Amino acid sequence: MKLSGELKAFEGRIGHHFAAPELLNRAVTHASMSSANRDDNQRLEFLGDRVLGLVMAEALLALDPGATEGQLAPRFNALVRKETCADVARDIDLGTVLKLGRSEMLSGGRRKQALLGDAIEAVIAAVYLDGGFDAAKGLVLRLWGGRIETVEEDARDAKTALQEWAQARKLAPPKYVTTARSGPDHAPVFTIAARLDNGAEASATAPSKRAAEQAAATSLLAQLEKNK
């Protein structure tokens, strides 16, 4: 199988030449484009998530041999969460080479955080299957780069950070309210509002409640920071 010009350029951006190019083709194929003759990237995403986790765990242990589990866990979570994965995917323009169905194309799938985060995990798995663990480890360390050294020791997800913001000001914990749901049952889209007792509120939309809650919390934190 030959790669398209776009995918050959993508190989250059990630620094890995595929001996089995069909793996890369599968890694960039979203479920909306799957068919009897075309595999999507969901199984690769499952594998890539585990490979990414192992690489990050090793990297963090090597970087700070004296760190406790309590110090390492939030750093690890910050590096492997979907938001970070999506940022890495944007850095290498992964969205431009994704194979998407018409509905995903029309809804801005190339920019969706969850879709990009899943796709970079699939690419990691493709490199792992094509070149082994050392190749996948090299890829992750190249793409995450300085993020590993600069990840905050007290890194927290947005929901935790928002709750701590509220507690520090003697407010009740944030509430997360589902304000809308759309899409078919097999691919729902949720809109969730994050609300504080002081009236501050922000909403976000994502393919899962967890992702929508995190995105809403992130948006509300940014709003609070801007208004302080």
Protein backbone atom coordinates (compact mmCIF):
# COMPACT_ATOMS: atom_id res chain seq x y z
CA MET A 1 0.00 0.00 0.00
CA LYS A 2 1.27 3.46 -0.92
CA LEU A 3 0.75 6.52 1.21
CA SER A 4 -0.71 9.73 -0.14
CA GLY A 5 1.49 12.78 -0.43
CA GLU A 6 -0.14 14.26 2.66
CA LEU A 7 0.60 11.16 4.73
CA LYS A 8 4.20 11.03 3.49
CA ALA A 9 4.59 14.61 4.68
CA PHE A 10 2.99 13.60 7.98
CA GLU A 11 5.61 10.83 8.36
CA GLY A 12 8.22 13.56 8.16
CA ARG A 13 6.48 15.63 10.84
CA ILE A 14 6.41 12.74 13.31
CA GLY A 15 9.85 11.40 12.41
CA HIS A 16 8.84 7.82 11.61
CA HIS A 17 8.81 6.09 8.22
CA PHE A 18 6.33 3.20 8.18
CA ALA A 19 7.45 -0.20 6.95
CA ALA A 20 3.75 -1.14 7.00
CA PRO A 21 1.97 2.01 5.68
CA GLU A 22 -1.45 0.43 6.16
CA LEU A 23 -0.98 0.98 9.90
CA LEU A 24 -0.75 4.74 9.42
CA ASN A 25 -3.74 4.71 7.09
CA ARG A 26 -5.76 2.91 9.74
CA ALA A 27 -4.55 5.25 12.49
CA VAL A 28 -5.93 8.31 10.70
CA THR A 29 -9.26 6.71 9.73
CA HIS A 30 -12.12 7.77 11.99
CA ALA A 31 -15.05 5.47 12.69
CA SER A 32 -17.26 7.70 10.54
CA MET A 33 -15.25 6.49 7.52
CA SER A 34 -15.07 2.79 8.41
CA SER A 35 -16.59 0.12 6.17
CA ALA A 36 -16.35 -3.60 5.48
CA ASN A 37 -13.13 -2.95 3.56
CA ARG A 38 -11.75 -0.11 5.69
CA ASP A 39 -10.74 -0.46 9.35
CA ASP A 40 -11.04 2.53 11.68
CA ASN A 41 -8.62 3.60 14.40
CA GLN A 42 -10.58 2.63 17.52
CA ARG A 43 -8.61 -0.51 18.35
CA LEU A 44 -5.35 1.34 17.76
CA GLU A 45 -6.54 4.12 20.07
CA PHE A 46 -7.10 1.54 22.83
CA LEU A 47 -3.55 0.24 22.44
CA GLY A 48 -1.96 3.65 22.02
CA ASP A 49 -3.46 4.90 25.27
CA ARG A 50 -1.62 2.11 27.13
CA VAL A 51 1.66 2.68 25.30
CA LEU A 52 1.49 6.40 26.03
CA GLY A 53 0.85 5.70 29.70
CA LEU A 54 3.88 3.42 30.01
CA VAL A 55 6.19 5.85 28.23
CA MET A 56 5.05 8.73 30.45
CA ALA A 57 5.36 6.71 33.64
CA GLU A 58 8.92 5.74 32.72
CA ALA A 59 9.82 9.30 31.74
CA LEU A 60 8.51 10.84 34.95
CA LEU A 61 10.27 8.28 37.14
CA ALA A 62 13.55 8.91 35.33
CA LEU A 63 13.13 12.69 35.50
CA ASP A 64 12.58 12.80 39.26
CA PRO A 65 13.88 9.69 41.05
CA GLY A 66 12.92 11.09 44.43
CA ALA A 67 9.29 11.92 43.64
CA THR A 68 6.54 10.21 45.58
CA GLU A 69 3.53 8.54 43.97
CA GLY A 70 1.44 11.45 45.18
CA GLN A 71 3.68 13.87 43.29
CA LEU A 72 3.94 11.74 40.15
CA ALA A 73 0.24 10.97 39.70
CA PRO A 74 -0.98 14.52 38.95
CA ARG A 75 1.94 15.11 36.58
CA PHE A 76 1.14 11.88 34.78
CA ASN A 77 -2.56 12.77 34.51
CA ALA A 78 -1.73 16.19 33.11
CA LEU A 79 0.48 14.69 30.40
CA VAL A 80 -1.85 11.93 29.20
CA ARG A 81 -5.24 13.62 29.47
CA LYS A 82 -7.24 14.21 26.32
CA GLU A 83 -6.61 17.96 26.30
CA THR A 84 -2.84 17.47 26.20
CA CYS A 85 -3.08 14.75 23.57
CA ALA A 86 -5.18 17.06 21.41
CA ASP A 87 -2.62 19.87 21.80
CA VAL A 88 0.13 17.52 20.62
CA ALA A 89 -2.02 16.47 17.66
CA ARG A 90 -2.47 20.12 16.69
CA ASP A 91 1.28 20.70 16.88
CA ILE A 92 1.82 18.16 14.08
CA ASP A 93 -1.31 19.14 12.09
CA LEU A 94 -2.82 15.69 12.58
CA GLY A 95 -6.28 17.05 11.82
CA THR A 96 -5.32 17.78 8.21
CA VAL A 97 -4.68 14.10 7.40
CA LEU A 98 -7.65 12.54 9.20
CA LYS A 99 -10.07 10.51 7.08
CA LEU A 100 -13.55 11.58 8.21
CA GLY A 101 -17.10 10.87 7.15
CA ARG A 102 -19.22 13.68 5.78
CA SER A 103 -21.05 14.35 9.06
CA GLU A 104 -17.79 14.72 10.98
CA MET A 105 -16.33 16.91 8.25
CA LEU A 106 -19.32 19.25 8.37
CA SER A 107 -19.27 19.45 12.18
CA GLY A 108 -15.62 20.51 12.32
CA GLY A 109 -14.21 17.10 13.20
CA ARG A 110 -10.64 18.06 12.28
CA ARG A 111 -10.64 20.51 15.20
CA LYS A 112 -12.48 18.44 17.82
CA GLN A 113 -10.49 17.84 20.97
CA ALA A 114 -11.75 14.31 21.64
CA LEU A 115 -11.25 13.22 18.03
CA LEU A 116 -7.71 14.64 17.88
CA GLY A 117 -6.79 13.12 21.23
CA ASP A 118 -8.01 9.69 20.13
CA ALA A 119 -6.18 9.96 16.81
CA ILE A 120 -2.77 10.76 18.32
CA GLU A 121 -3.13 7.68 20.54
CA ALA A 122 -3.90 5.63 17.43
CA VAL A 123 -0.77 7.02 15.72
CA ILE A 124 1.31 6.03 18.75
CA ALA A 125 -0.07 2.48 18.52
CA ALA A 126 0.64 2.36 14.79
CA VAL A 127 4.28 3.29 15.39
CA TYR A 128 4.48 0.72 18.20
CA LEU A 129 3.18 -2.05 15.94
CA ASP A 130 5.37 -0.93 13.05
CA GLY A 131 8.65 -0.37 14.88
CA GLY A 132 8.34 -1.70 18.42
CA PHE A 133 8.33 -0.06 21.83
CA ASP A 134 11.55 1.90 21.36
CA ALA A 135 10.17 3.55 18.22
CA ALA A 136 6.92 4.44 20.00
CA LYS A 137 8.81 5.74 23.02
CA GLY A 138 11.00 7.91 20.81
CA LEU A 139 7.89 9.28 19.08
CA VAL A 140 6.17 10.20 22.34
CA LEU A 141 9.25 11.83 23.82
CA ARG A 142 9.77 13.88 20.63
CA LEU A 143 6.17 15.01 20.35
CA TRP A 144 5.58 15.77 24.04
CA GLY A 145 9.01 17.39 24.27
CA GLY A 146 9.30 20.11 26.89
CA ARG A 147 5.87 19.34 28.29
CA ILE A 148 7.40 16.52 30.31
CA GLU A 149 10.03 18.69 31.98
CA THR A 150 7.72 21.63 32.60
CA VAL A 151 4.56 19.85 33.74
CA GLU A 152 3.43 21.46 36.96
CA GLU A 153 4.08 19.43 40.11
CA ASP A 154 0.61 20.23 41.35
CA ALA A 155 -1.01 19.66 37.94
CA ARG A 156 -4.72 19.11 38.34
CA ASP A 157 -7.55 18.58 35.95
CA ALA A 158 -9.88 21.51 35.37
CA LYS A 159 -12.74 20.14 37.49
CA THR A 160 -10.45 19.71 40.49
CA ALA A 161 -8.95 23.16 40.00
CA LEU A 162 -12.41 24.74 39.79
CA GLN A 163 -13.56 22.97 42.94
CA GLU A 164 -10.49 24.18 44.81
CA TRP A 165 -11.10 27.72 43.52
CA ALA A 166 -14.63 27.58 44.94
CA GLN A 167 -13.54 26.09 48.27
CA ALA A 168 -10.90 28.78 48.74
CA ARG A 169 -13.68 31.38 48.49
CA LYS A 170 -16.08 29.44 50.75
CA LEU A 171 -18.44 28.66 47.86
CA ALA A 172 -20.28 25.39 47.36
CA PRO A 173 -18.68 22.90 44.93
CA PRO A 174 -19.43 23.58 41.25
CA LYS A 175 -22.52 22.01 39.73
CA TYR A 176 -22.50 20.39 36.29
CA VAL A 177 -25.83 20.47 34.49
CA THR A 178 -26.57 18.79 31.17
CA THR A 179 -28.38 21.45 29.15
CA ALA A 180 -28.62 19.63 25.81
CA ARG A 181 -27.97 16.30 24.15
CA SER A 182 -27.91 15.65 20.42
CA GLY A 183 -26.74 13.07 17.93
CA PRO A 184 -27.62 9.37 17.60
CA ASP A 185 -27.45 7.00 20.57
CA HIS A 186 -24.17 5.48 19.37
CA ALA A 187 -22.51 8.89 19.02
CA PRO A 188 -24.14 11.35 21.44
CA VAL A 189 -23.01 14.94 21.93
CA PHE A 190 -23.51 16.60 25.31
CA THR A 191 -23.67 20.27 26.27
CA ILE A 192 -22.94 20.83 29.95
CA ALA A 193 -22.91 23.99 32.04
CA ALA A 194 -20.50 24.44 34.96
CA ARG A 195 -22.13 26.69 37.56
CA LEU A 196 -20.97 28.35 40.78
CA ASP A 197 -23.07 29.78 43.61
CA ASN A 198 -21.82 33.28 42.80
CA GLY A 199 -23.60 33.14 39.44
CA ALA A 200 -20.56 32.44 37.28
CA GLU A 201 -21.26 29.92 34.54
CA ALA A 202 -19.73 28.50 31.38
CA SER A 203 -20.85 25.80 28.94
CA ALA A 204 -19.10 23.36 26.64
CA THR A 205 -20.03 20.63 24.18
CA ALA A 206 -18.24 17.28 23.73
CA PRO A 207 -18.90 13.66 22.73
CA SER A 208 -18.92 12.50 26.39
CA LYS A 209 -20.21 13.98 29.63
CA ARG A 210 -16.77 13.78 31.22
CA ALA A 211 -15.12 15.66 28.37
CA ALA A 212 -17.89 18.28 28.33
CA GLU A 213 -17.59 18.79 32.09
CA GLN A 214 -13.81 19.22 31.84
CA ALA A 215 -14.17 21.64 28.95
CA ALA A 216 -16.84 23.64 30.79
CA ALA A 217 -14.66 23.80 33.90
CA THR A 218 -11.70 24.96 31.80
CA SER A 219 -13.81 27.67 30.20
CA LEU A 220 -15.16 28.85 33.55
CA LEU A 221 -11.68 28.96 35.08
CA ALA A 222 -10.47 31.10 32.18
CA GLN A 223 -13.47 33.40 32.65
CA LEU A 224 -12.78 33.75 36.39
CA GLU A 225 -9.09 34.46 35.74
CA LYS A 226 -10.00 37.15 33.21
CA ASN A 227 -12.48 38.83 35.53
CA LYS A 228 -10.42 38.81 38.73
